[in-house]
Amino acid sequence: GILIGSLGDIVFLAAVLSLKDSWRVGIPQSGQTE
């Protein structure tokens, strides 16, 4: 479980870094991201 959870941290960090300023939590009401 600790190993799987750590992998989750790595995957989440990679996702946030890849999205840069296009990251949103939820569907945006206005504006369009890349």
PDB file of all heavy atoms in Angstrom:
ATOM      1  N   GLY A   1       0.813  -1.214   0.000  1.00  0.00           N
ATOM      2  CA  GLY A   1       0.000   0.000   0.000  1.00  0.00           C
ATOM      3  C   GLY A   1       0.845   1.261   0.000  1.00  0.00           C
ATOM      4  O   GLY A   1       0.540   2.227  -0.702  1.00  0.00           O
ATOM      5  N   ILE A   2       1.919   1.251   0.787  1.00  0.00           N
ATOM      6  CA  ILE A   2       2.814   2.408   0.824  1.00  0.00           C
ATOM      7  C   ILE A   2       3.445   2.635  -0.551  1.00  0.00           C
ATOM      8  O   ILE A   2       3.552   3.783  -1.019  1.00  0.00           O
ATOM      9  CB  ILE A   2       3.909   2.205   1.888  1.00  0.00           C
ATOM     10  CG1 ILE A   2       3.295   2.166   3.301  1.00  0.00           C
ATOM     11  CG2 ILE A   2       4.971   3.286   1.795  1.00  0.00           C
ATOM     12  CD1 ILE A   2       2.589   3.440   3.708  1.00  0.00           C
ATOM     13  N   LEU A   3       3.841   1.567  -1.210  1.00  0.00           N
ATOM     14  CA  LEU A   3       4.452   1.688  -2.539  1.00  0.00           C
ATOM     15  C   LEU A   3       3.436   2.206  -3.563  1.00  0.00           C
ATOM     16  O   LEU A   3       3.759   3.069  -4.391  1.00  0.00           O
ATOM     17  CB  LEU A   3       5.016   0.341  -2.993  1.00  0.00           C
ATOM     18  CG  LEU A   3       6.176  -0.209  -2.144  1.00  0.00           C
ATOM     19  CD1 LEU A   3       6.577  -1.604  -2.637  1.00  0.00           C
ATOM     20  CD2 LEU A   3       7.364   0.737  -2.184  1.00  0.00           C
ATOM     21  N   ILE A   4       2.212   1.686  -3.496  1.00  0.00           N
ATOM     22  CA  ILE A   4       1.166   2.130  -4.422  1.00  0.00           C
ATOM     23  C   ILE A   4       0.819   3.596  -4.169  1.00  0.00           C
ATOM     24  O   ILE A   4       0.651   4.382  -5.105  1.00  0.00           O
ATOM     25  CB  ILE A   4      -0.088   1.240  -4.285  1.00  0.00           C
ATOM     26  CG1 ILE A   4       0.217  -0.176  -4.787  1.00  0.00           C
ATOM     27  CG2 ILE A   4      -1.263   1.829  -5.065  1.00  0.00           C
ATOM     28  CD1 ILE A   4      -0.873  -1.187  -4.477  1.00  0.00           C
ATOM     29  N   GLY A   5       0.706   3.971  -2.911  1.00  0.00           N
ATOM     30  CA  GLY A   5       0.412   5.362  -2.573  1.00  0.00           C
ATOM     31  C   GLY A   5       1.510   6.299  -3.037  1.00  0.00           C
ATOM     32  O   GLY A   5       1.244   7.408  -3.528  1.00  0.00           O
ATOM     33  N   SER A   6       2.765   5.870  -2.903  1.00  0.00           N
ATOM     34  CA  SER A   6       3.890   6.685  -3.365  1.00  0.00           C
ATOM     35  C   SER A   6       3.853   6.857  -4.879  1.00  0.00           C
ATOM     36  O   SER A   6       4.154   7.941  -5.402  1.00  0.00           O
ATOM     37  CB  SER A   6       5.215   6.030  -2.947  1.00  0.00           C
ATOM     38  OG  SER A   6       5.306   5.928  -1.537  1.00  0.00           O
ATOM     39  N   LEU A   7       3.482   5.794  -5.582  1.00  0.00           N
ATOM     40  CA  LEU A   7       3.335   5.888  -7.032  1.00  0.00           C
ATOM     41  C   LEU A   7       2.249   6.891  -7.395  1.00  0.00           C
ATOM     42  O   LEU A   7       2.374   7.650  -8.358  1.00  0.00           O
ATOM     43  CB  LEU A   7       2.999   4.512  -7.612  1.00  0.00           C
ATOM     44  CG  LEU A   7       2.779   4.446  -9.125  1.00  0.00           C
ATOM     45  CD1 LEU A   7       4.022   4.917  -9.879  1.00  0.00           C
ATOM     46  CD2 LEU A   7       2.396   3.024  -9.544  1.00  0.00           C
ATOM     47  N   GLY A   8       1.174   6.905  -6.594  1.00  0.00           N
ATOM     48  CA  GLY A   8       0.112   7.878  -6.816  1.00  0.00           C
ATOM     49  C   GLY A   8       0.615   9.306  -6.699  1.00  0.00           C
ATOM     50  O   GLY A   8       0.231  10.176  -7.487  1.00  0.00           O
ATOM     51  N   ASP A   9       1.488   9.556  -5.730  1.00  0.00           N
ATOM     52  CA  ASP A   9       2.096  10.886  -5.583  1.00  0.00           C
ATOM     53  C   ASP A   9       2.863  11.282  -6.846  1.00  0.00           C
ATOM     54  O   ASP A   9       2.753  12.407  -7.338  1.00  0.00           O
ATOM     55  CB  ASP A   9       3.065  10.892  -4.395  1.00  0.00           C
ATOM     56  CG  ASP A   9       2.360  11.019  -3.056  1.00  0.00           C
ATOM     57  OD1 ASP A   9       1.120  11.094  -3.036  1.00  0.00           O
ATOM     58  OD2 ASP A   9       3.047  11.036  -2.027  1.00  0.00           O
ATOM     59  N   ILE A  10       3.651  10.339  -7.356  1.00  0.00           N
ATOM     60  CA  ILE A  10       4.487  10.612  -8.526  1.00  0.00           C
ATOM     61  C   ILE A  10       3.621  10.898  -9.750  1.00  0.00           C
ATOM     62  O   ILE A  10       3.870  11.839 -10.508  1.00  0.00           O
ATOM     63  CB  ILE A  10       5.430   9.431  -8.792  1.00  0.00           C
ATOM     64  CG1 ILE A  10       6.425   9.278  -7.636  1.00  0.00           C
ATOM     65  CG2 ILE A  10       6.166   9.605 -10.117  1.00  0.00           C
ATOM     66  CD1 ILE A  10       7.243   8.011  -7.687  1.00  0.00           C
ATOM     67  N   VAL A  11       2.593  10.084  -9.944  1.00  0.00           N
ATOM     68  CA  VAL A  11       1.701  10.263 -11.103  1.00  0.00           C
ATOM     69  C   VAL A  11       0.969  11.599 -11.012  1.00  0.00           C
ATOM     70  O   VAL A  11       0.857  12.326 -12.006  1.00  0.00           O
ATOM     71  CB  VAL A  11       0.696   9.094 -11.183  1.00  0.00           C
ATOM     72  CG1 VAL A  11      -0.376   9.373 -12.237  1.00  0.00           C
ATOM     73  CG2 VAL A  11       1.426   7.789 -11.512  1.00  0.00           C
ATOM     74  N   PHE A  12       0.486  11.940  -9.809  1.00  0.00           N
ATOM     75  CA  PHE A  12      -0.241  13.196  -9.642  1.00  0.00           C
ATOM     76  C   PHE A  12       0.674  14.394  -9.890  1.00  0.00           C
ATOM     77  O   PHE A  12       0.279  15.358 -10.561  1.00  0.00           O
ATOM     78  CB  PHE A  12      -0.825  13.270  -8.232  1.00  0.00           C
ATOM     79  CG  PHE A  12      -1.722  14.453  -7.999  1.00  0.00           C
ATOM     80  CD1 PHE A  12      -2.932  14.565  -8.656  1.00  0.00           C
ATOM     81  CD2 PHE A  12      -1.360  15.471  -7.118  1.00  0.00           C
ATOM     82  CE1 PHE A  12      -3.771  15.659  -8.448  1.00  0.00           C
ATOM     83  CE2 PHE A  12      -2.175  16.560  -6.903  1.00  0.00           C
ATOM     84  CZ  PHE A  12      -3.385  16.660  -7.573  1.00  0.00           C
ATOM     85  N   LEU A  13       1.893  14.334  -9.377  1.00  0.00           N
ATOM     86  CA  LEU A  13       2.849  15.412  -9.603  1.00  0.00           C
ATOM     87  C   LEU A  13       3.155  15.570 -11.091  1.00  0.00           C
ATOM     88  O   LEU A  13       3.190  16.695 -11.613  1.00  0.00           O
ATOM     89  CB  LEU A  13       4.144  15.134  -8.837  1.00  0.00           C
ATOM     90  CG  LEU A  13       5.283  16.143  -9.039  1.00  0.00           C
ATOM     91  CD1 LEU A  13       4.868  17.531  -8.579  1.00  0.00           C
ATOM     92  CD2 LEU A  13       6.537  15.689  -8.297  1.00  0.00           C
ATOM     93  N   ALA A  14       3.348  14.447 -11.784  1.00  0.00           N
ATOM     94  CA  ALA A  14       3.628  14.502 -13.220  1.00  0.00           C
ATOM     95  C   ALA A  14       2.461  15.118 -13.982  1.00  0.00           C
ATOM     96  O   ALA A  14       2.659  15.882 -14.934  1.00  0.00           O
ATOM     97  CB  ALA A  14       3.917  13.093 -13.749  1.00  0.00           C
ATOM     98  N   ALA A  15       1.227  14.818 -13.544  1.00  0.00           N
ATOM     99  CA  ALA A  15       0.046  15.375 -14.205  1.00  0.00           C
ATOM    100  C   ALA A  15      -0.029  16.881 -14.028  1.00  0.00           C
ATOM    101  O   ALA A  15      -0.276  17.626 -14.984  1.00  0.00           O
ATOM    102  CB  ALA A  15      -1.214  14.714 -13.654  1.00  0.00           C
ATOM    103  N   VAL A  16       0.187  17.346 -12.800  1.00  0.00           N
ATOM    104  CA  VAL A  16       0.123  18.788 -12.516  1.00  0.00           C
ATOM    105  C   VAL A  16       1.214  19.536 -13.268  1.00  0.00           C
ATOM    106  O   VAL A  16       0.979  20.610 -13.838  1.00  0.00           O
ATOM    107  CB  VAL A  16       0.228  19.042 -10.999  1.00  0.00           C
ATOM    108  CG1 VAL A  16       0.346  20.532 -10.710  1.00  0.00           C
ATOM    109  CG2 VAL A  16      -0.995  18.476 -10.285  1.00  0.00           C
ATOM    110  N   LEU A  17       2.416  18.979 -13.303  1.00  0.00           N
ATOM    111  CA  LEU A  17       3.516  19.628 -14.016  1.00  0.00           C
ATOM    112  C   LEU A  17       3.266  19.656 -15.522  1.00  0.00           C
ATOM    113  O   LEU A  17       3.587  20.643 -16.197  1.00  0.00           O
ATOM    114  CB  LEU A  17       4.835  18.899 -13.725  1.00  0.00           C
ATOM    115  CG  LEU A  17       5.360  19.006 -12.286  1.00  0.00           C
ATOM    116  CD1 LEU A  17       6.624  18.170 -12.124  1.00  0.00           C
ATOM    117  CD2 LEU A  17       5.625  20.460 -11.911  1.00  0.00           C
ATOM    118  N   SER A  18       2.676  18.601 -16.056  1.00  0.00           N
ATOM    119  CA  SER A  18       2.395  18.551 -17.492  1.00  0.00           C
ATOM    120  C   SER A  18       1.325  19.555 -17.893  1.00  0.00           C
ATOM    121  O   SER A  18       1.392  20.164 -18.964  1.00  0.00           O
ATOM    122  CB  SER A  18       1.955  17.137 -17.899  1.00  0.00           C
ATOM    123  OG  SER A  18       3.001  16.200 -17.735  1.00  0.00           O
ATOM    124  N   LEU A  19       0.323  19.752 -17.029  1.00  0.00           N
ATOM    125  CA  LEU A  19      -0.771  20.674 -17.344  1.00  0.00           C
ATOM    126  C   LEU A  19      -0.349  22.138 -17.250  1.00  0.00           C
ATOM    127  O   LEU A  19      -0.947  22.999 -17.903  1.00  0.00           O
ATOM    128  CB  LEU A  19      -1.948  20.431 -16.395  1.00  0.00           C
ATOM    129  CG  LEU A  19      -2.867  19.270 -16.737  1.00  0.00           C
ATOM    130  CD1 LEU A  19      -3.934  19.120 -15.664  1.00  0.00           C
ATOM    131  CD2 LEU A  19      -3.521  19.460 -18.095  1.00  0.00           C
ATOM    132  N   LYS A  20       0.633  22.425 -16.403  1.00  0.00           N
ATOM    133  CA  LYS A  20       1.084  23.808 -16.199  1.00  0.00           C
ATOM    134  C   LYS A  20      -0.112  24.677 -15.805  1.00  0.00           C
ATOM    135  O   LYS A  20      -0.834  24.377 -14.875  1.00  0.00           O
ATOM    136  CB  LYS A  20       1.791  24.320 -17.451  1.00  0.00           C
ATOM    137  CG  LYS A  20       3.026  23.520 -17.810  1.00  0.00           C
ATOM    138  CD  LYS A  20       3.703  24.043 -19.064  1.00  0.00           C
ATOM    139  CE  LYS A  20       4.918  23.199 -19.413  1.00  0.00           C
ATOM    140  NZ  LYS A  20       5.578  23.641 -20.646  1.00  0.00           N
ATOM    141  N   ASP A  21      -0.358  25.770 -16.529  1.00  0.00           N
ATOM    142  CA  ASP A  21      -1.449  26.686 -16.153  1.00  0.00           C
ATOM    143  C   ASP A  21      -2.811  26.261 -16.686  1.00  0.00           C
ATOM    144  O   ASP A  21      -3.804  26.966 -16.496  1.00  0.00           O
ATOM    145  CB  ASP A  21      -1.128  28.099 -16.639  1.00  0.00           C
ATOM    146  CG  ASP A  21       0.007  28.728 -15.855  1.00  0.00           C
ATOM    147  OD1 ASP A  21       0.183  28.354 -14.676  1.00  0.00           O
ATOM    148  OD2 ASP A  21       0.728  29.574 -16.414  1.00  0.00           O
ATOM    149  N   SER A  22      -2.872  25.116 -17.361  1.00  0.00           N
ATOM    150  CA  SER A  22      -4.151  24.609 -17.852  1.00  0.00           C
ATOM    151  C   SER A  22      -4.859  23.761 -16.803  1.00  0.00           C
ATOM    152  O   SER A  22      -5.975  23.303 -17.037  1.00  0.00           O
ATOM    153  CB  SER A  22      -3.933  23.771 -19.129  1.00  0.00           C
ATOM    154  OG  SER A  22      -3.529  24.586 -20.198  1.00  0.00           O
ATOM    155  N   TRP A  23      -4.216  23.568 -15.658  1.00  0.00           N
ATOM    156  CA  TRP A  23      -4.821  22.722 -14.625  1.00  0.00           C
ATOM    157  C   TRP A  23      -6.010  23.409 -13.988  1.00  0.00           C
ATOM    158  O   TRP A  23      -5.947  24.562 -13.583  1.00  0.00           O
ATOM    159  CB  TRP A  23      -3.789  22.394 -13.549  1.00  0.00           C
ATOM    160  CG  TRP A  23      -4.298  21.421 -12.520  1.00  0.00           C
ATOM    161  CD1 TRP A  23      -4.855  20.205 -12.746  1.00  0.00           C
ATOM    162  CD2 TRP A  23      -4.287  21.598 -11.102  1.00  0.00           C
ATOM    163  NE1 TRP A  23      -5.186  19.603 -11.548  1.00  0.00           N
ATOM    164  CE2 TRP A  23      -4.850  20.427 -10.530  1.00  0.00           C
ATOM    165  CE3 TRP A  23      -3.839  22.620 -10.258  1.00  0.00           C
ATOM    166  CZ2 TRP A  23      -4.987  20.260  -9.162  1.00  0.00           C
ATOM    167  CZ3 TRP A  23      -3.982  22.449  -8.897  1.00  0.00           C
ATOM    168  CH2 TRP A  23      -4.547  21.280  -8.354  1.00  0.00           C
ATOM    169  N   ARG A  24      -7.119  22.681 -13.929  1.00  0.00           N
ATOM    170  CA  ARG A  24      -8.324  23.139 -13.241  1.00  0.00           C
ATOM    171  C   ARG A  24      -8.876  21.984 -12.415  1.00  0.00           C
ATOM    172  O   ARG A  24      -8.733  20.827 -12.777  1.00  0.00           O
ATOM    173  CB  ARG A  24      -9.406  23.615 -14.229  1.00  0.00           C
ATOM    174  CG  ARG A  24      -8.995  24.772 -15.117  1.00  0.00           C
ATOM    175  CD  ARG A  24      -8.820  26.073 -14.360  1.00  0.00           C
ATOM    176  NE  ARG A  24      -8.558  27.168 -15.264  1.00  0.00           N
ATOM    177  CZ  ARG A  24      -7.364  27.476 -15.759  1.00  0.00           C
ATOM    178  NH1 ARG A  24      -6.314  26.743 -15.427  1.00  0.00           N
ATOM    179  NH2 ARG A  24      -7.212  28.491 -16.590  1.00  0.00           N
ATOM    180  N   VAL A  25      -9.537  22.331 -11.322  1.00  0.00           N
ATOM    181  CA  VAL A  25     -10.216  21.331 -10.506  1.00  0.00           C
ATOM    182  C   VAL A  25     -11.696  21.487 -10.772  1.00  0.00           C
ATOM    183  O   VAL A  25     -12.344  22.388 -10.240  1.00  0.00           O
ATOM    184  CB  VAL A  25      -9.899  21.519  -9.006  1.00  0.00           C
ATOM    185  CG1 VAL A  25     -10.612  20.443  -8.186  1.00  0.00           C
ATOM    186  CG2 VAL A  25      -8.400  21.468  -8.771  1.00  0.00           C
ATOM    187  N   GLY A  26     -12.239  20.638 -11.620  1.00  0.00           N
ATOM    188  CA  GLY A  26     -13.624  20.776 -12.038  1.00  0.00           C
ATOM    189  C   GLY A  26     -13.711  21.363 -13.427  1.00  0.00           C
ATOM    190  O   GLY A  26     -12.715  21.793 -14.022  1.00  0.00           O
ATOM    191  N   ILE A  27     -14.922  21.404 -13.949  1.00  0.00           N
ATOM    192  CA  ILE A  27     -15.160  21.936 -15.288  1.00  0.00           C
ATOM    193  C   ILE A  27     -15.265  23.452 -15.205  1.00  0.00           C
ATOM    194  O   ILE A  27     -16.096  23.986 -14.471  1.00  0.00           O
ATOM    195  CB  ILE A  27     -16.454  21.344 -15.880  1.00  0.00           C
ATOM    196  CG1 ILE A  27     -16.295  19.822 -16.038  1.00  0.00           C
ATOM    197  CG2 ILE A  27     -16.793  21.992 -17.214  1.00  0.00           C
ATOM    198  CD1 ILE A  27     -17.552  19.120 -16.494  1.00  0.00           C
ATOM    199  N   PRO A  28     -14.422  24.180 -15.949  1.00  0.00           N
ATOM    200  CA  PRO A  28     -14.441  25.652 -15.874  1.00  0.00           C
ATOM    201  C   PRO A  28     -15.738  26.242 -16.416  1.00  0.00           C
ATOM    202  O   PRO A  28     -16.318  25.737 -17.374  1.00  0.00           O
ATOM    203  CB  PRO A  28     -13.232  26.061 -16.726  1.00  0.00           C
ATOM    204  CG  PRO A  28     -13.006  24.911 -17.648  1.00  0.00           C
ATOM    205  CD  PRO A  28     -13.387  23.690 -16.872  1.00  0.00           C
ATOM    206  N   GLN A  29     -16.174  27.333 -15.773  1.00  0.00           N
ATOM    207  CA  GLN A  29     -17.394  28.003 -16.216  1.00  0.00           C
ATOM    208  C   GLN A  29     -17.150  28.850 -17.456  1.00  0.00           C
ATOM    209  O   GLN A  29     -18.028  29.020 -18.289  1.00  0.00           O
ATOM    210  CB  GLN A  29     -17.921  28.908 -15.099  1.00  0.00           C
ATOM    211  CG  GLN A  29     -18.232  28.180 -13.808  1.00  0.00           C
ATOM    212  CD  GLN A  29     -18.648  29.149 -12.732  1.00  0.00           C
ATOM    213  OE1 GLN A  29     -19.713  29.769 -12.817  1.00  0.00           O
ATOM    214  NE2 GLN A  29     -17.816  29.320 -11.708  1.00  0.00           N
ATOM    215  N   SER A  30     -15.972  29.404 -17.568  1.00  0.00           N
ATOM    216  CA  SER A  30     -15.657  30.266 -18.707  1.00  0.00           C
ATOM    217  C   SER A  30     -14.175  30.147 -19.008  1.00  0.00           C
ATOM    218  O   SER A  30     -13.378  29.679 -18.188  1.00  0.00           O
ATOM    219  CB  SER A  30     -15.996  31.728 -18.387  1.00  0.00           C
ATOM    220  OG  SER A  30     -15.241  32.186 -17.270  1.00  0.00           O
ATOM    221  N   GLY A  31     -13.815  30.579 -20.194  1.00  0.00           N
ATOM    222  CA  GLY A  31     -12.412  30.503 -20.588  1.00  0.00           C
ATOM    223  C   GLY A  31     -12.073  29.103 -21.071  1.00  0.00           C
ATOM    224  O   GLY A  31     -12.686  28.116 -20.657  1.00  0.00           O
ATOM    225  N   GLN A  32     -11.117  29.019 -21.957  1.00  0.00           N
ATOM    226  CA  GLN A  32     -10.741  27.736 -22.523  1.00  0.00           C
ATOM    227  C   GLN A  32      -9.260  27.473 -22.285  1.00  0.00           C
ATOM    228  O   GLN A  32      -8.415  28.304 -22.577  1.00  0.00           O
ATOM    229  CB  GLN A  32     -11.037  27.706 -24.026  1.00  0.00           C
ATOM    230  CG  GLN A  32     -10.690  26.374 -24.689  1.00  0.00           C
ATOM    231  CD  GLN A  32     -11.108  26.341 -26.147  1.00  0.00           C
ATOM    232  OE1 GLN A  32     -12.206  26.785 -26.502  1.00  0.00           O
ATOM    233  NE2 GLN A  32     -10.235  25.826 -26.989  1.00  0.00           N
ATOM    234  N   THR A  33      -8.957  26.320 -21.750  1.00  0.00           N
ATOM    235  CA  THR A  33      -7.570  25.937 -21.543  1.00  0.00           C
ATOM    236  C   THR A  33      -7.071  25.179 -22.771  1.00  0.00           C
ATOM    237  O   THR A  33      -7.836  24.853 -23.671  1.00  0.00           O
ATOM    238  CB  THR A  33      -7.428  25.040 -20.296  1.00  0.00           C
ATOM    239  OG1 THR A  33      -8.208  23.850 -20.488  1.00  0.00           O
ATOM    240  CG2 THR A  33      -7.923  25.763 -19.061  1.00  0.00           C
ATOM    241  N   GLU A  34      -5.785  24.887 -22.787  1.00  0.00           N
ATOM    242  CA  GLU A  34      -5.218  24.118 -23.885  1.00  0.00           C
ATOM    243  C   GLU A  34      -5.484  22.633 -23.666  1.00  0.00           C
ATOM    244  O   GLU A  34      -5.608  22.171 -22.537  1.00  0.00           O
ATOM    245  CB  GLU A  34      -3.714  24.348 -23.977  1.00  0.00           C
ATOM    246  CG  GLU A  34      -3.317  25.772 -24.307  1.00  0.00           C
ATOM    247  CD  GLU A  34      -1.806  25.933 -24.393  1.00  0.00           C
ATOM    248  OE1 GLU A  34      -1.102  24.896 -24.356  1.00  0.00           O
ATOM    249  OE2 GLU A  34      -1.345  27.077 -24.495  1.00  0.00           O
TER     250      GLU A  34
END
